[in-house]
Amino acid sequence: MKTGDPIMRPVAEWLYCCYGRQVATAVIAGLLFALSSCATQPVPSAYHPPGLFLGMFQGFTMLFSLIGELFTHNRVYAFPNSGGWYDLGYVIGAAAFFGSSGASASQG
């Protein structure tokens, strides 16, 4: 088991040696999840933040926004947004764009 982090490498090797791969993976994933749960975002200060439908549109155009971001200073993901509703719309839009190409490719 190779990890890139020099702090986590001894812990990962000890867990892998004593308890096996599944337990080592579960413990490391739990530690990373616990550390990332402490992350916070700034409080949005918009009067009408983007919601579900703008999230769907921006998720659908994610590839084009990513290409445009390489040349401009526009962000791919809207902030401030309305939280869970925007995230749901973003995922639905991205799934509609990227999932639709796979369905047509599998038909013979």
Protein backbone atom coordinates (compact mmCIF):
# COMPACT_ATOMS: atom_id res chain seq x y z
CA MET A 1 0.00 0.00 0.00
CA LYS A 2 1.52 3.28 -1.10
CA THR A 3 0.38 6.65 0.08
CA GLY A 4 1.89 9.94 -0.94
CA ASP A 5 1.54 11.61 2.45
CA PRO A 6 4.66 11.09 4.63
CA ILE A 7 2.62 11.50 7.82
CA MET A 8 -0.02 8.93 6.88
CA ARG A 9 2.43 6.36 5.44
CA PRO A 10 3.50 4.82 8.80
CA VAL A 11 -0.11 4.68 9.97
CA ALA A 12 -1.24 3.07 6.74
CA GLU A 13 1.57 0.50 6.79
CA TRP A 14 0.88 -0.41 10.41
CA LEU A 15 -2.87 -0.79 9.79
CA TYR A 16 -2.28 -2.82 6.64
CA CYS A 17 0.22 -5.08 8.38
CA CYS A 18 -1.87 -5.74 11.49
CA TYR A 19 -5.47 -5.58 10.32
CA GLY A 20 -5.59 -6.02 6.54
CA ARG A 21 -6.41 -3.89 3.57
CA GLN A 22 -10.15 -3.35 4.23
CA VAL A 23 -9.67 -2.12 7.79
CA ALA A 24 -6.75 0.09 6.79
CA THR A 25 -8.77 1.64 3.97
CA ALA A 26 -11.78 2.18 6.23
CA VAL A 27 -9.73 3.82 8.98
CA ILE A 28 -7.87 6.12 6.58
CA ALA A 29 -11.12 7.07 4.83
CA GLY A 30 -12.70 7.78 8.22
CA LEU A 31 -9.78 9.97 9.25
CA LEU A 32 -9.89 11.91 5.99
CA PHE A 33 -13.65 12.33 6.30
CA ALA A 34 -13.29 13.58 9.89
CA LEU A 35 -10.64 16.09 8.87
CA SER A 36 -12.62 17.36 5.89
CA SER A 37 -15.80 17.77 7.94
CA CYS A 38 -14.19 20.67 9.78
CA ALA A 39 -13.91 22.73 6.57
CA THR A 40 -16.16 25.76 6.37
CA GLN A 41 -17.22 28.09 3.59
CA PRO A 42 -17.85 31.81 3.83
CA VAL A 43 -21.42 32.90 4.46
CA PRO A 44 -23.18 33.89 1.21
CA SER A 45 -24.26 37.51 1.11
CA ALA A 46 -26.53 37.46 -1.97
CA TYR A 47 -30.17 38.45 -1.83
CA HIS A 48 -31.32 35.87 -4.41
CA PRO A 49 -28.57 33.23 -4.71
CA PRO A 50 -28.61 30.81 -7.66
CA GLY A 51 -30.95 27.87 -7.12
CA LEU A 52 -31.96 24.57 -8.68
CA PHE A 53 -32.56 25.68 -12.27
CA LEU A 54 -29.39 27.75 -12.61
CA GLY A 55 -27.51 24.83 -11.07
CA MET A 56 -28.98 22.51 -13.72
CA PHE A 57 -27.98 24.91 -16.49
CA GLN A 58 -24.47 25.38 -15.15
CA GLY A 59 -24.06 21.65 -14.62
CA PHE A 60 -25.17 21.01 -18.20
CA THR A 61 -22.67 23.57 -19.52
CA MET A 62 -19.89 22.49 -17.14
CA LEU A 63 -17.51 21.30 -19.86
CA PHE A 64 -17.80 24.57 -21.81
CA SER A 65 -17.43 26.60 -18.61
CA LEU A 66 -14.30 24.66 -17.70
CA ILE A 67 -12.77 25.39 -21.09
CA GLY A 68 -13.75 29.06 -20.79
CA GLU A 69 -12.24 29.24 -17.32
CA LEU A 70 -8.84 28.44 -18.78
CA PHE A 71 -8.90 31.73 -20.70
CA THR A 72 -10.92 34.00 -18.38
CA HIS A 73 -11.44 34.46 -14.66
CA ASN A 74 -14.98 33.05 -14.57
CA ARG A 75 -15.79 30.34 -12.06
CA VAL A 76 -17.31 27.00 -13.03
CA TYR A 77 -19.33 26.77 -9.82
CA ALA A 78 -21.52 29.67 -8.67
CA PHE A 79 -20.83 31.22 -5.28
CA PRO A 80 -22.80 32.27 -3.37
CA ASN A 81 -25.49 29.73 -4.12
CA SER A 82 -28.54 28.37 -2.33
CA GLY A 83 -26.75 25.29 -1.02
CA GLY A 84 -28.33 21.89 -1.46
CA TRP A 85 -30.79 22.89 -4.20
CA TYR A 86 -28.06 24.38 -6.35
CA ASP A 87 -25.85 21.33 -5.77
CA LEU A 88 -28.70 19.00 -6.75
CA GLY A 89 -29.34 20.97 -9.93
CA TYR A 90 -25.63 21.00 -10.75
CA VAL A 91 -25.40 17.22 -10.43
CA ILE A 92 -28.59 16.68 -12.48
CA GLY A 93 -27.30 18.98 -15.23
CA ALA A 94 -23.87 17.34 -15.32
CA ALA A 95 -25.45 13.87 -15.36
CA ALA A 96 -27.76 14.92 -18.20
CA PHE A 97 -24.84 16.21 -20.26
CA PHE A 98 -22.30 13.47 -19.58
CA GLY A 99 -24.77 10.61 -19.17
CA SER A 100 -26.58 11.30 -22.43
CA SER A 101 -23.48 10.73 -24.56
CA GLY A 102 -22.84 7.30 -23.05
CA ALA A 103 -26.35 6.05 -23.76
CA SER A 104 -26.12 6.87 -27.47
CA ALA A 105 -22.65 5.37 -27.80
CA SER A 106 -23.75 1.97 -26.44
CA GLN A 107 -26.44 1.51 -29.09
CA GLY A 108 -25.23 -0.48 -32.05
